[in-house]
């Protein structure tokens, strides 16, 4: 180096690397030693703990500060442990070399034991080649990671954070993934949430209940509506692994059965689904029952001298007591669902069920054979297995839907598979009961009062129920 009266002002830059071959503290210590050995004056040190590659997600604040100090003329030389600690992104690296050349700032690379002046074409070329090589290694590493993730997806093995409700175990010696199993503490919470959403429990009520019981959420904080929706949308709970839009069969067991998973997601997908807080909707038949003029009925709360009632939302042509209309429709629905043939209306016949199960067994056997082949020394490629998965997995799902009609709400299936229909009905949330009525009934029409069955203020519940029955016309699906 040419001597000068004033020592060069040096900036020492350190950045943590993924391979951890040299810690940031070690880099800075080596940089300070180089500054002392060269007789330079330490102007500043810069410490970044994030990656320099284009795949990095964290901003490197000190790298930006280093660039700003170069542009401000505050440095004469920059000290790096190795050139790749500057940047593995070519655009960023070449821009930085250009700023150093414009400002006349030297670059000292400790691992090279050399100081470069990028105003000299030879020095610029050497550092430019270093930048290209560093970027090339980053791209190769990224490709290996992507291939590994894709292969893991084809095999159905997990990637990323452990889903709430599961535990992930690794081989203690090799640290290789071993299995993903239900977490005995949180798996019941997942099953409860799916079951409640599937039967149309309001999400706000589920959130309120979980927080009241101090059940920890996946984030360790209070539950929220978005957290419930994210849980329901997670295909991992259905034993599926999703990668780049393609679904694969996972290597872990599902926490919820396919019917409950499908039903819960169908609830979230319901067009025009109410998102009001619990308590806002208190009426079983609002907008489900209609008046003679064709307008829907809406609820009118109880007030002094008058019970709660339904009234025509159009011209007000009819009104009927809320309690007796709800009870009459409930009794009719419960009676229909209590008949021996009720289940047969919604569940496929035995021949269809048997054929669907045989089809599922055959397809799953073909899928297992393909996976076994992929794992063998002369087996099929990952791309071939992915193509087989894309073909067979949807076919397996379609066969599963043949066992029980996928359009039937969970609440309705629960009603037709019990001997205590009224008890189950009374335990359903209001939204679940409305869904059952919508599924069963094409229309519920309310006629004018029948003069043979008059109602007075002193009429008892039985008289009111009888009068209501003479005005209601239910048409079934």
Protein backbone atom coordinates (compact mmCIF):
# COMPACT_ATOMS: atom_id res chain seq x y z
CA UNK A 1 0.00 0.00 0.00
CA UNK A 2 1.14 3.53 -0.75
CA UNK A 3 1.73 5.40 2.50
CA UNK A 4 -0.16 8.57 3.21
CA UNK A 5 -0.10 11.10 6.02
CA UNK A 6 -3.67 10.43 7.16
CA UNK A 7 -4.59 6.78 7.89
CA UNK A 8 -7.34 5.27 5.77
CA UNK A 9 -10.75 5.26 7.43
CA UNK A 10 -11.86 1.65 7.58
CA UNK A 11 -15.30 0.10 8.00
CA UNK A 12 -15.44 -3.53 9.14
CA UNK A 13 -18.52 -5.49 7.99
CA UNK A 14 -19.64 -8.83 9.46
CA UNK A 15 -22.61 -10.97 8.45
CA UNK A 16 -23.81 -14.28 9.83
CA UNK A 17 -23.68 -17.11 7.34
CA UNK A 18 -25.90 -20.17 7.27
CA UNK A 19 -22.92 -22.51 7.45
CA UNK A 20 -21.72 -20.78 10.65
CA UNK A 21 -18.07 -21.26 9.60
CA UNK A 22 -17.23 -17.88 11.03
CA UNK A 23 -19.42 -16.08 13.53
CA UNK A 24 -20.11 -12.37 13.22
CA UNK A 25 -17.99 -11.72 16.33
CA UNK A 26 -15.10 -13.69 14.81
CA UNK A 27 -15.41 -11.78 11.55
CA UNK A 28 -15.37 -8.43 13.31
CA UNK A 29 -12.39 -9.48 15.46
CA UNK A 30 -10.47 -10.57 12.35
CA UNK A 31 -11.45 -7.31 10.67
CA UNK A 32 -10.14 -5.23 13.60
CA UNK A 33 -6.88 -7.20 13.49
CA UNK A 34 -6.54 -6.46 9.76
CA UNK A 35 -7.23 -2.76 10.34
CA UNK A 36 -4.51 -2.65 13.00
CA UNK A 37 -2.04 -4.61 10.87
CA UNK A 38 -2.55 -2.29 7.89
CA UNK A 39 -2.25 0.84 10.01
CA UNK A 40 -5.75 2.00 9.16
CA UNK A 41 -8.11 3.93 11.42
CA UNK A 42 -11.35 2.17 12.45
CA UNK A 43 -14.21 4.44 11.44
CA UNK A 44 -17.14 2.08 12.06
CA UNK A 45 -18.16 -1.56 12.29
CA UNK A 46 -21.31 -3.09 10.80
CA UNK A 47 -23.06 -6.18 12.13
CA UNK A 48 -25.81 -8.06 10.26
CA UNK A 49 -27.31 -11.35 11.39
CA UNK A 50 -29.34 -12.09 8.25
CA UNK A 51 -28.66 -13.74 4.91
CA UNK A 52 -27.20 -11.94 1.91
CA UNK A 53 -28.99 -14.10 -0.67
CA UNK A 54 -31.99 -13.07 -2.76
CA UNK A 55 -34.06 -15.64 -0.85
CA UNK A 56 -33.55 -13.82 2.46
CA UNK A 57 -36.66 -12.47 4.17
CA UNK A 58 -35.01 -10.16 6.71
CA UNK A 59 -33.66 -6.73 5.82
CA UNK A 60 -29.93 -6.09 6.38
CA UNK A 61 -29.93 -2.72 8.09
CA UNK A 62 -26.16 -2.40 8.57
CA UNK A 63 -25.49 -3.28 4.92
CA UNK A 64 -27.71 -0.36 3.90
CA UNK A 65 -25.89 1.86 6.41
CA UNK A 66 -22.52 0.77 4.99
CA UNK A 67 -23.68 1.77 1.51
CA UNK A 68 -24.92 5.12 2.83
CA UNK A 69 -21.58 5.82 4.57
CA UNK A 70 -19.69 5.01 1.35
CA UNK A 71 -21.91 7.41 -0.60
CA UNK A 72 -21.38 10.08 2.09
CA UNK A 73 -17.59 9.82 1.73
CA UNK A 74 -17.05 8.62 5.31
CA UNK A 75 -14.95 5.53 4.43
CA UNK A 76 -11.75 4.84 2.49
CA UNK A 77 -11.68 1.05 2.80
CA UNK A 78 -14.18 -1.70 3.64
CA UNK A 79 -12.99 -4.90 5.35
CA UNK A 80 -14.87 -8.18 4.67
CA UNK A 81 -14.10 -11.68 5.92
CA UNK A 82 -14.88 -12.99 2.40
CA UNK A 83 -16.58 -11.45 -0.59
CA UNK A 84 -19.70 -13.61 -0.24
CA UNK A 85 -20.38 -11.93 3.13
CA UNK A 86 -21.15 -8.76 1.19
CA UNK A 87 -24.01 -9.95 -1.01
CA UNK A 88 -25.00 -13.12 -2.88
CA UNK A 89 -27.43 -11.16 -5.02
CA UNK A 90 -25.62 -10.04 -8.24
CA UNK A 91 -27.64 -6.83 -8.71
CA UNK A 92 -26.89 -5.76 -5.14
CA UNK A 93 -23.23 -6.81 -5.32
CA UNK A 94 -22.52 -5.03 -8.65
CA UNK A 95 -24.28 -1.91 -7.40
CA UNK A 96 -22.07 -1.96 -4.31
CA UNK A 97 -18.91 -2.42 -6.39
CA UNK A 98 -20.03 0.53 -8.52
CA UNK A 99 -20.51 2.73 -5.43
CA UNK A 100 -17.04 1.77 -4.14
CA UNK A 101 -15.50 2.56 -7.54
CA UNK A 102 -17.27 5.93 -7.74
CA UNK A 103 -16.22 6.88 -4.19
CA UNK A 104 -12.70 5.46 -4.56
CA UNK A 105 -13.23 3.07 -1.63
CA UNK A 106 -10.90 0.06 -1.39
CA UNK A 107 -12.12 -3.44 -0.49
CA UNK A 108 -10.02 -5.66 1.76
CA UNK A 109 -10.96 -9.37 1.80
CA UNK A 110 -9.38 -11.11 4.81
CA UNK A 111 -9.66 -14.66 3.42
CA UNK A 112 -7.80 -13.48 0.28
CA UNK A 113 -5.27 -11.51 2.35
CA UNK A 114 -5.59 -8.82 -0.30
CA UNK A 115 -6.87 -5.30 -0.78
CA UNK A 116 -8.71 -4.58 -4.03
CA UNK A 117 -9.13 -1.28 -5.86
CA UNK A 118 -12.19 -1.69 -8.12
CA UNK A 119 -11.10 1.31 -10.16
CA UNK A 120 -8.62 -1.16 -11.67
CA UNK A 121 -10.31 -3.40 -14.22
CA UNK A 122 -8.46 -6.53 -13.04
CA UNK A 123 -9.54 -6.06 -9.43
CA UNK A 124 -13.11 -5.31 -10.46
CA UNK A 125 -13.23 -8.48 -12.57
CA UNK A 126 -11.98 -10.67 -9.70
CA UNK A 127 -14.58 -9.36 -7.24
CA UNK A 128 -17.31 -9.46 -9.89
CA UNK A 129 -16.51 -13.14 -10.50
CA UNK A 130 -16.66 -13.75 -6.75
CA UNK A 131 -20.14 -12.24 -6.71
CA UNK A 132 -21.31 -14.44 -9.59
CA UNK A 133 -19.86 -17.55 -7.90
CA UNK A 134 -21.59 -16.69 -4.61
CA UNK A 135 -24.92 -16.20 -6.41
CA UNK A 136 -24.43 -19.50 -8.26
CA UNK A 137 -23.89 -21.38 -4.99
CA UNK A 138 -27.02 -19.75 -3.55
CA UNK A 139 -29.10 -20.84 -6.56
CA UNK A 140 -27.74 -24.40 -6.32
CA UNK A 141 -28.53 -24.51 -2.62
CA UNK A 142 -32.04 -23.21 -3.28
CA UNK A 143 -32.62 -25.86 -5.95
CA UNK A 144 -31.54 -28.59 -3.54
CA UNK A 145 -33.93 -27.26 -0.91
CA UNK A 146 -36.81 -27.06 -3.40
CA UNK A 147 -36.15 -30.59 -4.61
CA UNK A 148 -36.06 -31.80 -1.02
CA UNK A 149 -39.33 -30.07 -0.17
CA UNK A 150 -41.02 -31.42 -3.31
CA UNK A 151 -39.80 -34.95 -2.58
CA UNK A 152 -41.03 -34.64 1.00
CA UNK A 153 -44.44 -33.54 -0.29
CA UNK A 154 -44.66 -36.53 -2.64
CA UNK A 155 -43.77 -38.81 0.26
CA UNK A 156 -46.36 -37.08 2.42
CA UNK A 157 -43.80 -36.06 5.04
CA UNK A 158 -44.31 -32.73 6.82
CA UNK A 159 -42.51 -29.45 6.26
CA UNK A 160 -42.46 -26.24 8.25
CA UNK A 161 -44.08 -25.60 11.60
CA UNK A 162 -45.83 -28.42 13.45
CA UNK A 163 -49.62 -28.02 13.01
CA UNK A 164 -51.54 -27.24 16.19
CA UNK A 165 -52.88 -30.53 17.51
CA UNK A 166 -49.87 -32.62 16.52
CA UNK A 167 -46.47 -33.57 17.93
CA UNK A 168 -43.50 -34.21 15.65
CA UNK A 169 -40.85 -36.75 16.59
CA UNK A 170 -37.34 -37.16 15.21
CA UNK A 171 -34.76 -39.93 15.43
CA UNK A 172 -32.56 -39.00 18.42
CA UNK A 173 -29.38 -40.09 16.65
CA UNK A 174 -29.88 -38.91 13.04
CA UNK A 175 -32.37 -36.09 13.73
CA UNK A 176 -34.37 -37.39 10.75
CA UNK A 177 -38.16 -37.05 10.87
CA UNK A 178 -39.77 -40.14 12.41
CA UNK A 179 -43.50 -39.48 12.82
CA UNK A 180 -46.20 -36.89 13.41
CA UNK A 181 -48.76 -37.94 16.01
CA UNK A 182 -51.74 -36.34 17.78
CA UNK A 183 -50.89 -34.09 20.71
CA UNK A 184 -52.94 -35.43 23.64
CA UNK A 185 -53.48 -31.89 24.96
CA UNK A 186 -54.43 -29.99 21.80
CA UNK A 187 -55.77 -32.66 19.43
CA UNK A 188 -59.12 -32.77 21.31
CA UNK A 189 -59.40 -28.99 20.82
CA UNK A 190 -59.00 -29.39 17.05
CA UNK A 191 -61.66 -32.11 16.95
CA UNK A 192 -64.02 -30.00 19.04
CA UNK A 193 -63.64 -26.96 16.79
CA UNK A 194 -64.26 -29.01 13.64
CA UNK A 195 -67.31 -30.71 15.14
CA UNK A 196 -68.83 -27.42 16.29
CA UNK A 197 -68.24 -25.62 13.00
CA UNK A 198 -69.60 -28.61 11.07
CA UNK A 199 -72.87 -28.42 13.00
CA UNK A 200 -73.03 -24.68 12.30
CA UNK A 201 -72.12 -23.35 15.72
CA UNK A 202 -71.43 -19.60 15.32
CA UNK A 203 -67.68 -19.01 15.18
CA UNK A 204 -67.97 -16.07 17.56
CA UNK A 205 -69.55 -18.37 20.14
CA UNK A 206 -66.78 -20.95 19.70
CA UNK A 207 -64.16 -18.23 20.17
CA UNK A 208 -65.89 -16.91 23.27
CA UNK A 209 -66.17 -20.40 24.77
CA UNK A 210 -62.52 -21.36 24.12
CA UNK A 211 -61.27 -18.09 25.62
CA UNK A 212 -63.57 -18.43 28.61
CA UNK A 213 -62.10 -21.88 29.27
CA UNK A 214 -58.59 -20.43 28.78
CA UNK A 215 -57.79 -22.95 26.04
CA UNK A 216 -54.48 -21.84 24.45
CA UNK A 217 -54.65 -20.95 20.76
CA UNK A 218 -52.03 -22.07 18.18
CA UNK A 219 -50.27 -18.72 18.70
CA UNK A 220 -50.43 -19.04 22.48
CA UNK A 221 -52.76 -16.04 22.73
CA UNK A 222 -56.52 -15.59 22.73
CA UNK A 223 -58.54 -17.26 20.00
CA UNK A 224 -60.02 -15.14 17.21
CA UNK A 225 -62.37 -15.71 14.29
CA UNK A 226 -59.53 -15.84 11.76
CA UNK A 227 -57.74 -18.43 13.87
CA UNK A 228 -60.79 -20.71 13.75
CA UNK A 229 -61.11 -20.29 9.98
CA UNK A 230 -57.40 -21.00 9.45
CA UNK A 231 -57.74 -24.18 11.50
CA UNK A 232 -60.73 -25.40 9.47
CA UNK A 233 -58.96 -24.69 6.15
CA UNK A 234 -55.81 -26.63 7.11
CA UNK A 235 -55.78 -29.83 5.04
CA UNK A 236 -53.27 -31.40 7.45
CA UNK A 237 -56.14 -32.27 9.78
CA UNK A 238 -57.68 -34.33 6.96
CA UNK A 239 -54.43 -36.25 6.54
CA UNK A 240 -53.34 -34.30 3.48
CA UNK A 241 -50.08 -32.59 2.49
CA UNK A 242 -50.41 -29.60 0.16
CA UNK A 243 -47.44 -28.29 -1.86
CA UNK A 244 -47.65 -25.69 -4.64
CA UNK A 245 -51.38 -26.28 -5.04
CA UNK A 246 -51.09 -30.07 -5.33
CA UNK A 247 -52.54 -32.30 -2.61
CA UNK A 248 -50.78 -35.48 -1.49
CA UNK A 249 -51.75 -38.13 1.03
CA UNK A 250 -49.87 -37.39 4.24
CA UNK A 251 -47.87 -39.94 6.22
CA UNK A 252 -49.68 -38.98 9.42
CA UNK A 253 -53.18 -39.91 10.53
CA UNK A 254 -55.94 -37.28 10.21
CA UNK A 255 -57.29 -35.70 13.39
CA UNK A 256 -60.82 -35.48 11.97
CA UNK A 257 -62.73 -37.79 9.66
CA UNK A 258 -63.33 -36.82 6.04
CA UNK A 259 -67.04 -36.15 6.53
CA UNK A 260 -66.50 -33.71 9.40
CA UNK A 261 -63.67 -31.96 7.56
CA UNK A 262 -65.80 -31.56 4.41
CA UNK A 263 -68.85 -30.45 6.39
CA UNK A 264 -66.93 -27.82 8.37
CA UNK A 265 -65.40 -26.33 5.22
CA UNK A 266 -68.80 -26.39 3.52
CA UNK A 267 -70.17 -24.29 6.37
CA UNK A 268 -67.48 -21.66 5.78
CA UNK A 269 -68.21 -21.76 2.03
CA UNK A 270 -71.97 -21.25 2.44
CA UNK A 271 -73.00 -18.23 0.29
CA UNK A 272 -74.42 -15.39 2.34
CA UNK A 273 -73.48 -17.11 5.59
CA UNK A 274 -74.34 -14.85 8.53
CA UNK A 275 -71.32 -13.45 10.36
CA UNK A 276 -73.19 -11.69 13.14
CA UNK A 277 -72.29 -12.23 16.77
CA UNK A 278 -74.22 -14.85 18.77
CA UNK A 279 -77.53 -13.52 19.95
CA UNK A 280 -78.20 -11.28 16.96
CA UNK A 281 -80.21 -14.04 15.23
CA UNK A 282 -82.83 -15.39 17.65
CA UNK A 283 -85.50 -16.60 15.24
CA UNK A 284 -85.74 -20.12 13.87
CA UNK A 285 -87.85 -19.29 10.81
CA UNK A 286 -86.95 -15.71 9.89
CA UNK A 287 -86.76 -15.52 6.08
CA UNK A 288 -87.45 -19.28 5.85
CA UNK A 289 -91.23 -19.03 6.25
CA UNK A 290 -93.30 -16.91 3.82
CA UNK A 291 -96.65 -15.15 3.92
CA UNK A 292 -99.60 -15.46 1.44
CA UNK A 293 -98.24 -12.49 -0.54
CA UNK A 294 -94.90 -14.30 -0.98
CA UNK A 295 -92.91 -11.99 1.28
CA UNK A 296 -90.75 -13.61 3.99
CA UNK A 297 -91.62 -13.46 7.66
CA UNK A 298 -89.42 -11.63 10.14
CA UNK A 299 -89.34 -11.64 13.91
CA UNK A 300 -90.92 -9.01 16.12
CA UNK A 301 -89.79 -9.10 19.76
CA UNK A 302 -92.15 -9.42 22.70
CA UNK A 303 -93.55 -6.21 24.08
CA UNK A 304 -96.11 -5.21 26.68
CA UNK A 305 -99.40 -6.97 26.03
CA UNK A 306 -98.09 -9.03 23.10
CA UNK A 307 -95.96 -12.16 22.75
CA UNK A 308 -93.09 -12.42 20.29
CA UNK A 309 -94.36 -13.12 16.79
CA UNK A 310 -93.50 -13.47 13.11
CA UNK A 311 -94.96 -10.90 10.71
CA UNK A 312 -95.03 -10.43 6.95
CA UNK A 313 -92.11 -8.28 5.81
CA UNK A 314 -94.10 -7.08 2.79
CA UNK A 315 -97.55 -5.61 3.32
CA UNK A 316 -98.01 -7.06 6.82
CA UNK A 317 -100.77 -9.39 5.60
CA UNK A 318 -100.23 -12.02 8.32
CA UNK A 319 -98.76 -12.48 11.75
CA UNK A 320 -98.33 -15.61 13.85
CA UNK A 321 -96.95 -16.34 17.31
CA UNK A 322 -93.27 -17.18 17.32
CA UNK A 323 -93.45 -19.87 20.02
CA UNK A 324 -96.24 -21.89 18.41
CA UNK A 325 -94.86 -21.68 14.86
CA UNK A 326 -91.37 -22.73 15.97
CA UNK A 327 -92.76 -25.59 18.05
CA UNK A 328 -95.07 -26.85 15.30
CA UNK A 329 -92.36 -26.85 12.61
CA UNK A 330 -89.95 -28.49 15.07
CA UNK A 331 -92.41 -31.28 15.84
CA UNK A 332 -93.07 -31.94 12.16
CA UNK A 333 -89.36 -32.07 11.33
CA UNK A 334 -88.54 -34.27 14.34
CA UNK A 335 -91.39 -36.64 13.45
CA UNK A 336 -90.16 -36.93 9.87
CA UNK A 337 -86.60 -37.62 10.95
CA UNK A 338 -87.76 -40.19 13.51
CA UNK A 339 -89.22 -42.48 10.87
CA UNK A 340 -87.33 -45.72 10.11
CA UNK A 341 -86.67 -44.65 6.51
CA UNK A 342 -85.14 -41.28 7.42
CA UNK A 343 -81.54 -42.44 7.20
CA UNK A 344 -82.11 -44.04 3.80
CA UNK A 345 -82.93 -40.63 2.34
CA UNK A 346 -79.38 -39.39 2.88
CA UNK A 347 -77.08 -42.40 3.13
CA UNK A 348 -76.14 -44.43 0.07
CA UNK A 349 -77.54 -47.97 -0.13
CA UNK A 350 -75.46 -50.94 0.95
CA UNK A 351 -74.46 -51.94 -2.60
CA UNK A 352 -73.17 -48.42 -3.30
CA UNK A 353 -71.32 -48.32 0.02
CA UNK A 354 -69.70 -51.72 -0.61
CA UNK A 355 -68.69 -50.76 -4.16
CA UNK A 356 -67.26 -47.44 -2.98
CA UNK A 357 -65.23 -49.14 -0.23
CA UNK A 358 -63.86 -51.69 -2.72
CA UNK A 359 -62.90 -48.86 -5.04
CA UNK A 360 -61.16 -46.98 -2.21
CA UNK A 361 -59.20 -50.11 -1.18
CA UNK A 362 -58.06 -50.71 -4.79
CA UNK A 363 -56.96 -47.11 -5.34
CA UNK A 364 -55.13 -46.93 -2.00
CA UNK A 365 -53.35 -50.20 -2.81
CA UNK A 366 -52.19 -48.75 -6.14
CA UNK A 367 -50.99 -45.63 -4.35
CA UNK A 368 -49.05 -47.67 -1.76
CA UNK A 369 -47.41 -49.72 -4.51
CA UNK A 370 -46.30 -46.52 -6.27
CA UNK A 371 -44.82 -45.15 -3.04
CA UNK A 372 -42.99 -48.42 -2.35
CA UNK A 373 -41.58 -48.32 -5.87
CA UNK A 374 -40.35 -44.73 -5.40
CA UNK A 375 -38.47 -45.75 -2.26
CA UNK A 376 -36.70 -48.66 -3.98
CA UNK A 377 -33.30 -48.57 -5.76
CA UNK A 378 -34.84 -49.14 -9.21
CA UNK A 379 -38.13 -47.45 -8.50
CA UNK A 380 -40.05 -44.71 -10.23
CA UNK A 381 -38.97 -41.06 -10.11
CA UNK A 382 -40.41 -38.36 -7.87
CA UNK A 383 -42.07 -36.78 -10.92
CA UNK A 384 -43.77 -40.07 -11.82
CA UNK A 385 -45.00 -40.56 -8.27
CA UNK A 386 -46.33 -36.99 -8.23
CA UNK A 387 -48.26 -37.69 -11.44
CA UNK A 388 -49.74 -40.87 -9.94
CA UNK A 389 -50.71 -38.99 -6.78
CA UNK A 390 -52.41 -36.25 -8.78
CA UNK A 391 -54.49 -38.93 -10.53
CA UNK A 392 -55.34 -41.27 -7.63
CA UNK A 393 -55.89 -38.91 -4.69
CA UNK A 394 -58.92 -37.12 -6.27
CA UNK A 395 -60.35 -40.52 -7.23
CA UNK A 396 -60.06 -41.72 -3.62
CA UNK A 397 -61.77 -38.55 -2.37
CA UNK A 398 -64.58 -38.98 -4.92
CA UNK A 399 -65.12 -42.57 -3.81
CA UNK A 400 -65.32 -41.47 -0.18
CA UNK A 401 -68.13 -39.04 -0.98
CA UNK A 402 -70.23 -41.94 -2.31
CA UNK A 403 -70.56 -43.44 1.17
CA UNK A 404 -72.53 -40.48 2.55
CA UNK A 405 -73.83 -37.68 0.35
CA UNK A 406 -71.44 -34.76 0.71
CA UNK A 407 -74.26 -32.22 0.55
CA UNK A 408 -75.89 -33.45 3.75
CA UNK A 409 -75.09 -31.20 6.75
CA UNK A 410 -73.43 -32.83 9.73
CA UNK A 411 -76.36 -31.82 11.94
CA UNK A 412 -78.78 -33.71 9.68
CA UNK A 413 -76.61 -36.83 9.65
CA UNK A 414 -76.50 -36.71 13.47
CA UNK A 415 -80.30 -36.52 13.57
CA UNK A 416 -80.93 -39.49 11.28
CA UNK A 417 -78.44 -41.71 13.12
CA UNK A 418 -79.92 -41.36 16.62
CA UNK A 419 -82.91 -42.77 18.47
CA UNK A 420 -83.32 -39.51 20.39
CA UNK A 421 -84.05 -37.04 17.59
CA UNK A 422 -85.74 -34.36 19.72
CA UNK A 423 -82.94 -34.43 22.28
CA UNK A 424 -80.29 -34.01 19.60
CA UNK A 425 -82.39 -31.29 17.89
CA UNK A 426 -82.66 -29.29 21.12
CA UNK A 427 -78.89 -29.50 21.53
CA UNK A 428 -78.16 -28.06 18.09
CA UNK A 429 -77.27 -24.39 17.71
CA UNK A 430 -79.90 -22.24 16.04
CA UNK A 431 -77.84 -22.05 12.83
CA UNK A 432 -77.66 -25.86 12.72
CA UNK A 433 -81.43 -26.22 13.08
CA UNK A 434 -82.02 -23.64 10.34
CA UNK A 435 -79.64 -25.54 8.04
CA UNK A 436 -81.59 -28.78 8.62
CA UNK A 437 -84.89 -27.04 7.82
CA UNK A 438 -83.43 -25.51 4.66
CA UNK A 439 -82.17 -28.94 3.57
CA UNK A 440 -85.45 -30.74 4.23
CA UNK A 441 -88.03 -28.15 3.14
CA UNK A 442 -88.68 -26.53 -0.19
CA UNK A 443 -91.03 -24.01 1.42
CA UNK A 444 -92.90 -23.20 4.62
CA UNK A 445 -95.98 -21.11 3.83
CA UNK A 446 -98.15 -19.40 6.47
CA UNK A 447 -101.81 -18.83 5.59
CA UNK A 448 -104.45 -16.53 7.00
CA UNK A 449 -105.94 -17.41 10.42
CA UNK A 450 -108.52 -20.21 10.25
CA UNK A 451 -111.83 -18.90 11.65
CA UNK A 452 -112.61 -22.37 13.01
CA UNK A 453 -109.59 -22.13 15.30
CA UNK A 454 -109.61 -18.64 16.77
CA UNK A 455 -106.89 -17.42 19.14
CA UNK A 456 -107.49 -15.08 22.07
CA UNK A 457 -105.31 -13.60 24.75
CA UNK A 458 -106.45 -16.32 27.15
CA UNK A 459 -105.78 -19.20 24.71
CA UNK A 460 -103.39 -21.80 26.16
CA UNK A 461 -100.32 -23.27 24.42
CA UNK A 462 -102.16 -26.31 23.09
CA UNK A 463 -104.85 -24.15 21.46
CA UNK A 464 -102.19 -21.90 19.91
CA UNK A 465 -100.25 -24.89 18.60
CA UNK A 466 -103.41 -26.41 17.06
CA UNK A 467 -104.35 -23.11 15.40
CA UNK A 468 -100.82 -22.75 14.00
CA UNK A 469 -100.96 -26.27 12.52
CA UNK A 470 -104.05 -25.28 10.50
CA UNK A 471 -102.18 -22.37 8.89
CA UNK A 472 -98.84 -23.98 7.99
CA UNK A 473 -98.12 -25.72 4.68
CA UNK A 474 -94.71 -27.46 4.49
CA UNK A 475 -93.40 -28.76 1.19
CA UNK A 476 -90.50 -31.25 1.44
CA UNK A 477 -87.44 -31.62 -0.72
